[in-house]
Amino acid sequence: MRYPNSEEFYKKVGKQLRELRKVNKLTQKELGLRSDLEKSVIQRIERGAVNSTLRTLLKVANALDVEFKDLFDFE
């Protein structure tokens, strides 16, 4: 699937991250601690406000105990 702009893609990734975090019953702060990231970084990713690095997203996936590709499993 193509995205007309990067902001739309970032928002979809953020929404997927939020859903995975909630399934794991974690707060943004807890996920930040588990992934060695600031809560504000988690907030910005979930809002789709940043272009996160692969390293950051890998930390988040590991903290959620999900496959990296699961962060991008959306329609």
PDB file of N, CA and C in Angstrom:
ATOM      1  N   MET A   1       0.844  -1.182   0.000  1.00  0.00           N
ATOM      2  CA  MET A   1       0.000   0.000   0.000  1.00  0.00           C
ATOM      3  C   MET A   1       0.884   1.238   0.000  1.00  0.00           C
ATOM      4  N   ARG A   2       0.491   2.211  -0.758  1.00  0.00           N
ATOM      5  CA  ARG A   2       1.230   3.478  -0.817  1.00  0.00           C
ATOM      6  C   ARG A   2       0.549   4.508   0.085  1.00  0.00           C
ATOM      7  N   TYR A   3       1.356   5.418   0.570  1.00  0.00           N
ATOM      8  CA  TYR A   3       0.846   6.494   1.414  1.00  0.00           C
ATOM      9  C   TYR A   3       1.146   7.820   0.734  1.00  0.00           C
ATOM     10  N   PRO A   4       0.130   8.670   0.599  1.00  0.00           N
ATOM     11  CA  PRO A   4       0.333   9.930  -0.107  1.00  0.00           C
ATOM     12  C   PRO A   4       1.329  10.852   0.594  1.00  0.00           C
ATOM     13  N   ASN A   5       1.473  10.699   1.890  1.00  0.00           N
ATOM     14  CA  ASN A   5       2.463  11.501   2.597  1.00  0.00           C
ATOM     15  C   ASN A   5       2.976  10.731   3.807  1.00  0.00           C
ATOM     16  N   SER A   6       4.155  11.095   4.261  1.00  0.00           N
ATOM     17  CA  SER A   6       4.783  10.371   5.357  1.00  0.00           C
ATOM     18  C   SER A   6       4.025  10.531   6.666  1.00  0.00           C
ATOM     19  N   GLU A   7       3.376  11.662   6.878  1.00  0.00           N
ATOM     20  CA  GLU A   7       2.655  11.884   8.128  1.00  0.00           C
ATOM     21  C   GLU A   7       1.555  10.848   8.332  1.00  0.00           C
ATOM     22  N   GLU A   8       0.882  10.466   7.267  1.00  0.00           N
ATOM     23  CA  GLU A   8      -0.168   9.445   7.362  1.00  0.00           C
ATOM     24  C   GLU A   8       0.428   8.121   7.826  1.00  0.00           C
ATOM     25  N   PHE A   9       1.580   7.771   7.280  1.00  0.00           N
ATOM     26  CA  PHE A   9       2.244   6.532   7.666  1.00  0.00           C
ATOM     27  C   PHE A   9       2.672   6.579   9.135  1.00  0.00           C
ATOM     28  N   TYR A  10       3.261   7.697   9.564  1.00  0.00           N
ATOM     29  CA  TYR A  10       3.693   7.835  10.956  1.00  0.00           C
ATOM     30  C   TYR A  10       2.512   7.685  11.910  1.00  0.00           C
ATOM     31  N   LYS A  11       1.360   8.226  11.534  1.00  0.00           N
ATOM     32  CA  LYS A  11       0.174   8.118  12.383  1.00  0.00           C
ATOM     33  C   LYS A  11      -0.314   6.679  12.470  1.00  0.00           C
ATOM     34  N   LYS A  12      -0.225   5.937  11.383  1.00  0.00           N
ATOM     35  CA  LYS A  12      -0.645   4.536  11.408  1.00  0.00           C
ATOM     36  C   LYS A  12       0.287   3.705  12.285  1.00  0.00           C
ATOM     37  N   VAL A  13       1.577   3.971  12.187  1.00  0.00           N
ATOM     38  CA  VAL A  13       2.539   3.282  13.050  1.00  0.00           C
ATOM     39  C   VAL A  13       2.246   3.624  14.512  1.00  0.00           C
ATOM     40  N   GLY A  14       1.993   4.893  14.782  1.00  0.00           N
ATOM     41  CA  GLY A  14       1.681   5.316  16.150  1.00  0.00           C
ATOM     42  C   GLY A  14       0.435   4.668  16.689  1.00  0.00           C
ATOM     43  N   LYS A  15      -0.594   4.576  15.867  1.00  0.00           N
ATOM     44  CA  LYS A  15      -1.833   3.937  16.293  1.00  0.00           C
ATOM     45  C   LYS A  15      -1.596   2.453  16.588  1.00  0.00           C
ATOM     46  N   GLN A  16      -0.808   1.798  15.748  1.00  0.00           N
ATOM     47  CA  GLN A  16      -0.497   0.384  15.969  1.00  0.00           C
ATOM     48  C   GLN A  16       0.289   0.204  17.261  1.00  0.00           C
ATOM     49  N   LEU A  17       1.245   1.086  17.494  1.00  0.00           N
ATOM     50  CA  LEU A  17       2.028   1.027  18.729  1.00  0.00           C
ATOM     51  C   LEU A  17       1.124   1.192  19.943  1.00  0.00           C
ATOM     52  N   ARG A  18       0.218   2.152  19.897  1.00  0.00           N
ATOM     53  CA  ARG A  18      -0.704   2.385  21.010  1.00  0.00           C
ATOM     54  C   ARG A  18      -1.546   1.135  21.287  1.00  0.00           C
ATOM     55  N   GLU A  19      -2.051   0.519  20.220  1.00  0.00           N
ATOM     56  CA  GLU A  19      -2.867  -0.681  20.397  1.00  0.00           C
ATOM     57  C   GLU A  19      -2.059  -1.823  21.015  1.00  0.00           C
ATOM     58  N   LEU A  20      -0.835  -2.033  20.552  1.00  0.00           N
ATOM     59  CA  LEU A  20       0.017  -3.081  21.109  1.00  0.00           C
ATOM     60  C   LEU A  20       0.352  -2.793  22.572  1.00  0.00           C
ATOM     61  N   ARG A  21       0.593  -1.527  22.875  1.00  0.00           N
ATOM     62  CA  ARG A  21       0.892  -1.148  24.268  1.00  0.00           C
ATOM     63  C   ARG A  21      -0.294  -1.433  25.173  1.00  0.00           C
ATOM     64  N   LYS A  22      -1.481  -1.100  24.699  1.00  0.00           N
ATOM     65  CA  LYS A  22      -2.683  -1.322  25.509  1.00  0.00           C
ATOM     66  C   LYS A  22      -2.988  -2.802  25.674  1.00  0.00           C
ATOM     67  N   VAL A  23      -2.753  -3.597  24.640  1.00  0.00           N
ATOM     68  CA  VAL A  23      -2.932  -5.054  24.741  1.00  0.00           C
ATOM     69  C   VAL A  23      -2.019  -5.604  25.834  1.00  0.00           C
ATOM     70  N   ASN A  24      -0.837  -5.031  25.931  1.00  0.00           N
ATOM     71  CA  ASN A  24       0.128  -5.457  26.951  1.00  0.00           C
ATOM     72  C   ASN A  24      -0.110  -4.781  28.298  1.00  0.00           C
ATOM     73  N   LYS A  25      -1.154  -3.966  28.374  1.00  0.00           N
ATOM     74  CA  LYS A  25      -1.549  -3.280  29.611  1.00  0.00           C
ATOM     75  C   LYS A  25      -0.408  -2.469  30.211  1.00  0.00           C
ATOM     76  N   LEU A  26       0.235  -1.698  29.340  1.00  0.00           N
ATOM     77  CA  LEU A  26       1.336  -0.840  29.769  1.00  0.00           C
ATOM     78  C   LEU A  26       0.955   0.623  29.599  1.00  0.00           C
ATOM     79  N   THR A  27       1.427   1.441  30.500  1.00  0.00           N
ATOM     80  CA  THR A  27       1.295   2.883  30.322  1.00  0.00           C
ATOM     81  C   THR A  27       2.436   3.344  29.414  1.00  0.00           C
ATOM     82  N   GLN A  28       2.340   4.565  28.948  1.00  0.00           N
ATOM     83  CA  GLN A  28       3.430   5.124  28.142  1.00  0.00           C
ATOM     84  C   GLN A  28       4.718   5.177  28.960  1.00  0.00           C
ATOM     85  N   LYS A  29       4.590   5.498  30.219  1.00  0.00           N
ATOM     86  CA  LYS A  29       5.762   5.571  31.089  1.00  0.00           C
ATOM     87  C   LYS A  29       6.402   4.193  31.249  1.00  0.00           C
ATOM     88  N   GLU A  30       5.580   3.174  31.469  1.00  0.00           N
ATOM     89  CA  GLU A  30       6.103   1.811  31.627  1.00  0.00           C
ATOM     90  C   GLU A  30       6.800   1.332  30.353  1.00  0.00           C
ATOM     91  N   LEU A  31       6.193   1.615  29.214  1.00  0.00           N
ATOM     92  CA  LEU A  31       6.819   1.226  27.954  1.00  0.00           C
ATOM     93  C   LEU A  31       8.127   1.978  27.754  1.00  0.00           C
ATOM     94  N   GLY A  32       8.141   3.236  28.119  1.00  0.00           N
ATOM     95  CA  GLY A  32       9.373   4.013  28.038  1.00  0.00           C
ATOM     96  C   GLY A  32      10.479   3.415  28.892  1.00  0.00           C
ATOM     97  N   LEU A  33      10.142   3.025  30.100  1.00  0.00           N
ATOM     98  CA  LEU A  33      11.137   2.410  30.987  1.00  0.00           C
ATOM     99  C   LEU A  33      11.645   1.095  30.415  1.00  0.00           C
ATOM    100  N   ARG A  34      10.737   0.278  29.919  1.00  0.00           N
ATOM    101  CA  ARG A  34      11.123  -1.020  29.352  1.00  0.00           C
ATOM    102  C   ARG A  34      11.979  -0.876  28.103  1.00  0.00           C
ATOM    103  N   SER A  35      11.760   0.180  27.357  1.00  0.00           N
ATOM    104  CA  SER A  35      12.482   0.356  26.100  1.00  0.00           C
ATOM    105  C   SER A  35      13.656   1.325  26.215  1.00  0.00           C
ATOM    106  N   ASP A  36      13.896   1.822  27.420  1.00  0.00           N
ATOM    107  CA  ASP A  36      14.969   2.777  27.676  1.00  0.00           C
ATOM    108  C   ASP A  36      14.790   4.054  26.853  1.00  0.00           C
ATOM    109  N   LEU A  37      13.524   4.504  26.794  1.00  0.00           N
ATOM    110  CA  LEU A  37      13.172   5.737  26.102  1.00  0.00           C
ATOM    111  C   LEU A  37      12.367   6.620  27.041  1.00  0.00           C
ATOM    112  N   GLU A  38      12.403   7.890  26.804  1.00  0.00           N
ATOM    113  CA  GLU A  38      11.595   8.819  27.591  1.00  0.00           C
ATOM    114  C   GLU A  38      10.117   8.639  27.241  1.00  0.00           C
ATOM    115  N   LYS A  39       9.260   8.864  28.220  1.00  0.00           N
ATOM    116  CA  LYS A  39       7.813   8.809  27.987  1.00  0.00           C
ATOM    117  C   LYS A  39       7.417   9.734  26.846  1.00  0.00           C
ATOM    118  N   SER A  40       8.054  10.888  26.760  1.00  0.00           N
ATOM    119  CA  SER A  40       7.717  11.853  25.706  1.00  0.00           C
ATOM    120  C   SER A  40       8.014  11.301  24.311  1.00  0.00           C
ATOM    121  N   VAL A  41       9.008  10.441  24.194  1.00  0.00           N
ATOM    122  CA  VAL A  41       9.308   9.813  22.900  1.00  0.00           C
ATOM    123  C   VAL A  41       8.167   8.884  22.514  1.00  0.00           C
ATOM    124  N   ILE A  42       7.699   8.091  23.465  1.00  0.00           N
ATOM    125  CA  ILE A  42       6.564   7.186  23.220  1.00  0.00           C
ATOM    126  C   ILE A  42       5.341   8.006  22.816  1.00  0.00           C
ATOM    127  N   GLN A  43       5.102   9.105  23.509  1.00  0.00           N
ATOM    128  CA  GLN A  43       3.956   9.964  23.194  1.00  0.00           C
ATOM    129  C   GLN A  43       4.042  10.492  21.762  1.00  0.00           C
ATOM    130  N   ARG A  44       5.215  10.970  21.370  1.00  0.00           N
ATOM    131  CA  ARG A  44       5.376  11.525  20.022  1.00  0.00           C
ATOM    132  C   ARG A  44       5.216  10.458  18.946  1.00  0.00           C
ATOM    133  N   ILE A  45       5.718   9.252  19.214  1.00  0.00           N
ATOM    134  CA  ILE A  45       5.546   8.162  18.242  1.00  0.00           C
ATOM    135  C   ILE A  45       4.063   7.832  18.108  1.00  0.00           C
ATOM    136  N   GLU A  46       3.372   7.710  19.220  1.00  0.00           N
ATOM    137  CA  GLU A  46       1.942   7.359  19.183  1.00  0.00           C
ATOM    138  C   GLU A  46       1.112   8.432  18.483  1.00  0.00           C
ATOM    139  N   ARG A  47       1.510   9.671  18.573  1.00  0.00           N
ATOM    140  CA  ARG A  47       0.798  10.749  17.879  1.00  0.00           C
ATOM    141  C   ARG A  47       1.169  10.820  16.407  1.00  0.00           C
ATOM    142  N   GLY A  48       2.224  10.116  16.030  1.00  0.00           N
ATOM    143  CA  GLY A  48       2.687  10.190  14.649  1.00  0.00           C
ATOM    144  C   GLY A  48       3.421  11.472  14.363  1.00  0.00           C
ATOM    145  N   ALA A  49       3.996  12.051  15.405  1.00  0.00           N
ATOM    146  CA  ALA A  49       4.630  13.358  15.282  1.00  0.00           C
ATOM    147  C   ALA A  49       6.117  13.285  14.933  1.00  0.00           C
ATOM    148  N   VAL A  50       6.676  12.079  14.882  1.00  0.00           N
ATOM    149  CA  VAL A  50       8.113  11.951  14.608  1.00  0.00           C
ATOM    150  C   VAL A  50       8.385  10.842  13.600  1.00  0.00           C
ATOM    151  N   ASN A  51       9.515  10.980  12.945  1.00  0.00           N
ATOM    152  CA  ASN A  51      10.028   9.938  12.069  1.00  0.00           C
ATOM    153  C   ASN A  51      11.042   9.163  12.909  1.00  0.00           C
ATOM    154  N   SER A  52      10.579   8.104  13.539  1.00  0.00           N
ATOM    155  CA  SER A  52      11.427   7.348  14.457  1.00  0.00           C
ATOM    156  C   SER A  52      12.483   6.537  13.709  1.00  0.00           C
ATOM    157  N   THR A  53      13.617   6.392  14.350  1.00  0.00           N
ATOM    158  CA  THR A  53      14.670   5.577  13.756  1.00  0.00           C
ATOM    159  C   THR A  53      14.315   4.097  13.904  1.00  0.00           C
ATOM    160  N   LEU A  54      14.942   3.281  13.096  1.00  0.00           N
ATOM    161  CA  LEU A  54      14.752   1.837  13.219  1.00  0.00           C
ATOM    162  C   LEU A  54      15.218   1.364  14.593  1.00  0.00           C
ATOM    163  N   ARG A  55      16.279   1.942  15.098  1.00  0.00           N
ATOM    164  CA  ARG A  55      16.791   1.573  16.416  1.00  0.00           C
ATOM    165  C   ARG A  55      15.741   1.821  17.503  1.00  0.00           C
ATOM    166  N   THR A  56      15.089   2.976  17.435  1.00  0.00           N
ATOM    167  CA  THR A  56      14.050   3.303  18.417  1.00  0.00           C
ATOM    168  C   THR A  56      12.879   2.332  18.313  1.00  0.00           C
ATOM    169  N   LEU A  57      12.428   2.076  17.098  1.00  0.00           N
ATOM    170  CA  LEU A  57      11.297   1.158  16.921  1.00  0.00           C
ATOM    171  C   LEU A  57      11.657  -0.266  17.323  1.00  0.00           C
ATOM    172  N   LEU A  58      12.907  -0.665  17.121  1.00  0.00           N
ATOM    173  CA  LEU A  58      13.345  -1.988  17.559  1.00  0.00           C
ATOM    174  C   LEU A  58      13.325  -2.089  19.086  1.00  0.00           C
ATOM    175  N   LYS A  59      13.739  -1.031  19.766  1.00  0.00           N
ATOM    176  CA  LYS A  59      13.671  -1.007  21.233  1.00  0.00           C
ATOM    177  C   LYS A  59      12.225  -1.171  21.703  1.00  0.00           C
ATOM    178  N   VAL A  60      11.313  -0.483  21.034  1.00  0.00           N
ATOM    179  CA  VAL A  60       9.901  -0.545  21.404  1.00  0.00           C
ATOM    180  C   VAL A  60       9.346  -1.951  21.155  1.00  0.00           C
ATOM    181  N   ALA A  61       9.653  -2.527  20.003  1.00  0.00           N
ATOM    182  CA  ALA A  61       9.176  -3.878  19.689  1.00  0.00           C
ATOM    183  C   ALA A  61       9.696  -4.881  20.710  1.00  0.00           C
ATOM    184  N   ASN A  62      10.976  -4.773  21.064  1.00  0.00           N
ATOM    185  CA  ASN A  62      11.540  -5.678  22.064  1.00  0.00           C
ATOM    186  C   ASN A  62      10.872  -5.492  23.424  1.00  0.00           C
ATOM    187  N   ALA A  63      10.606  -4.256  23.787  1.00  0.00           N
ATOM    188  CA  ALA A  63       9.961  -3.975  25.066  1.00  0.00           C
ATOM    189  C   ALA A  63       8.535  -4.524  25.108  1.00  0.00           C
ATOM    190  N   LEU A  64       7.875  -4.541  23.966  1.00  0.00           N
ATOM    191  CA  LEU A  64       6.515  -5.083  23.881  1.00  0.00           C
ATOM    192  C   LEU A  64       6.516  -6.595  23.669  1.00  0.00           C
ATOM    193  N   ASP A  65       7.708  -7.156  23.433  1.00  0.00           N
ATOM    194  CA  ASP A  65       7.877  -8.595  23.157  1.00  0.00           C
ATOM    195  C   ASP A  65       7.069  -9.001  21.924  1.00  0.00           C
ATOM    196  N   VAL A  66       7.178  -8.189  20.874  1.00  0.00           N
ATOM    197  CA  VAL A  66       6.535  -8.483  19.596  1.00  0.00           C
ATOM    198  C   VAL A  66       7.592  -8.460  18.501  1.00  0.00           C
ATOM    199  N   GLU A  67       7.266  -9.063  17.366  1.00  0.00           N
ATOM    200  CA  GLU A  67       8.147  -9.005  16.213  1.00  0.00           C
ATOM    201  C   GLU A  67       8.174  -7.569  15.689  1.00  0.00           C
ATOM    202  N   PHE A  68       9.306  -7.156  15.163  1.00  0.00           N
ATOM    203  CA  PHE A  68       9.444  -5.805  14.611  1.00  0.00           C
ATOM    204  C   PHE A  68       8.362  -5.522  13.582  1.00  0.00           C
ATOM    205  N   LYS A  69       8.077  -6.492  12.740  1.00  0.00           N
ATOM    206  CA  LYS A  69       7.079  -6.314  11.672  1.00  0.00           C
ATOM    207  C   LYS A  69       5.694  -6.059  12.219  1.00  0.00           C
ATOM    208  N   ASP A  70       5.421  -6.469  13.458  1.00  0.00           N
ATOM    209  CA  ASP A  70       4.100  -6.260  14.054  1.00  0.00           C
ATOM    210  C   ASP A  70       3.773  -4.767  14.223  1.00  0.00           C
ATOM    211  N   LEU A  71       4.792  -3.942  14.304  1.00  0.00           N
ATOM    212  CA  LEU A  71       4.557  -2.496  14.413  1.00  0.00           C
ATOM    213  C   LEU A  71       3.977  -1.930  13.124  1.00  0.00           C
ATOM    214  N   PHE A  72       4.132  -2.683  12.043  1.00  0.00           N
ATOM    215  CA  PHE A  72       3.675  -2.213  10.735  1.00  0.00           C
ATOM    216  C   PHE A  72       2.540  -3.058  10.181  1.00  0.00           C
ATOM    217  N   ASP A  73       1.921  -3.848  11.050  1.00  0.00           N
ATOM    218  CA  ASP A  73       0.840  -4.751  10.626  1.00  0.00           C
ATOM    219  C   ASP A  73      -0.501  -4.038  10.728  1.00  0.00           C
ATOM    220  N   PHE A  74      -0.745  -3.162   9.762  1.00  0.00           N
ATOM    221  CA  PHE A  74      -1.997  -2.415   9.721  1.00  0.00           C
ATOM    222  C   PHE A  74      -2.410  -2.263   8.268  1.00  0.00           C
ATOM    223  N   GLU A  75      -3.665  -1.939   8.082  1.00  0.00           N
ATOM    224  CA  GLU A  75      -4.181  -1.772   6.712  1.00  0.00           C
ATOM    225  C   GLU A  75      -4.099  -0.328   6.289  1.00  0.00           C
TER     226      GLU A  75
END
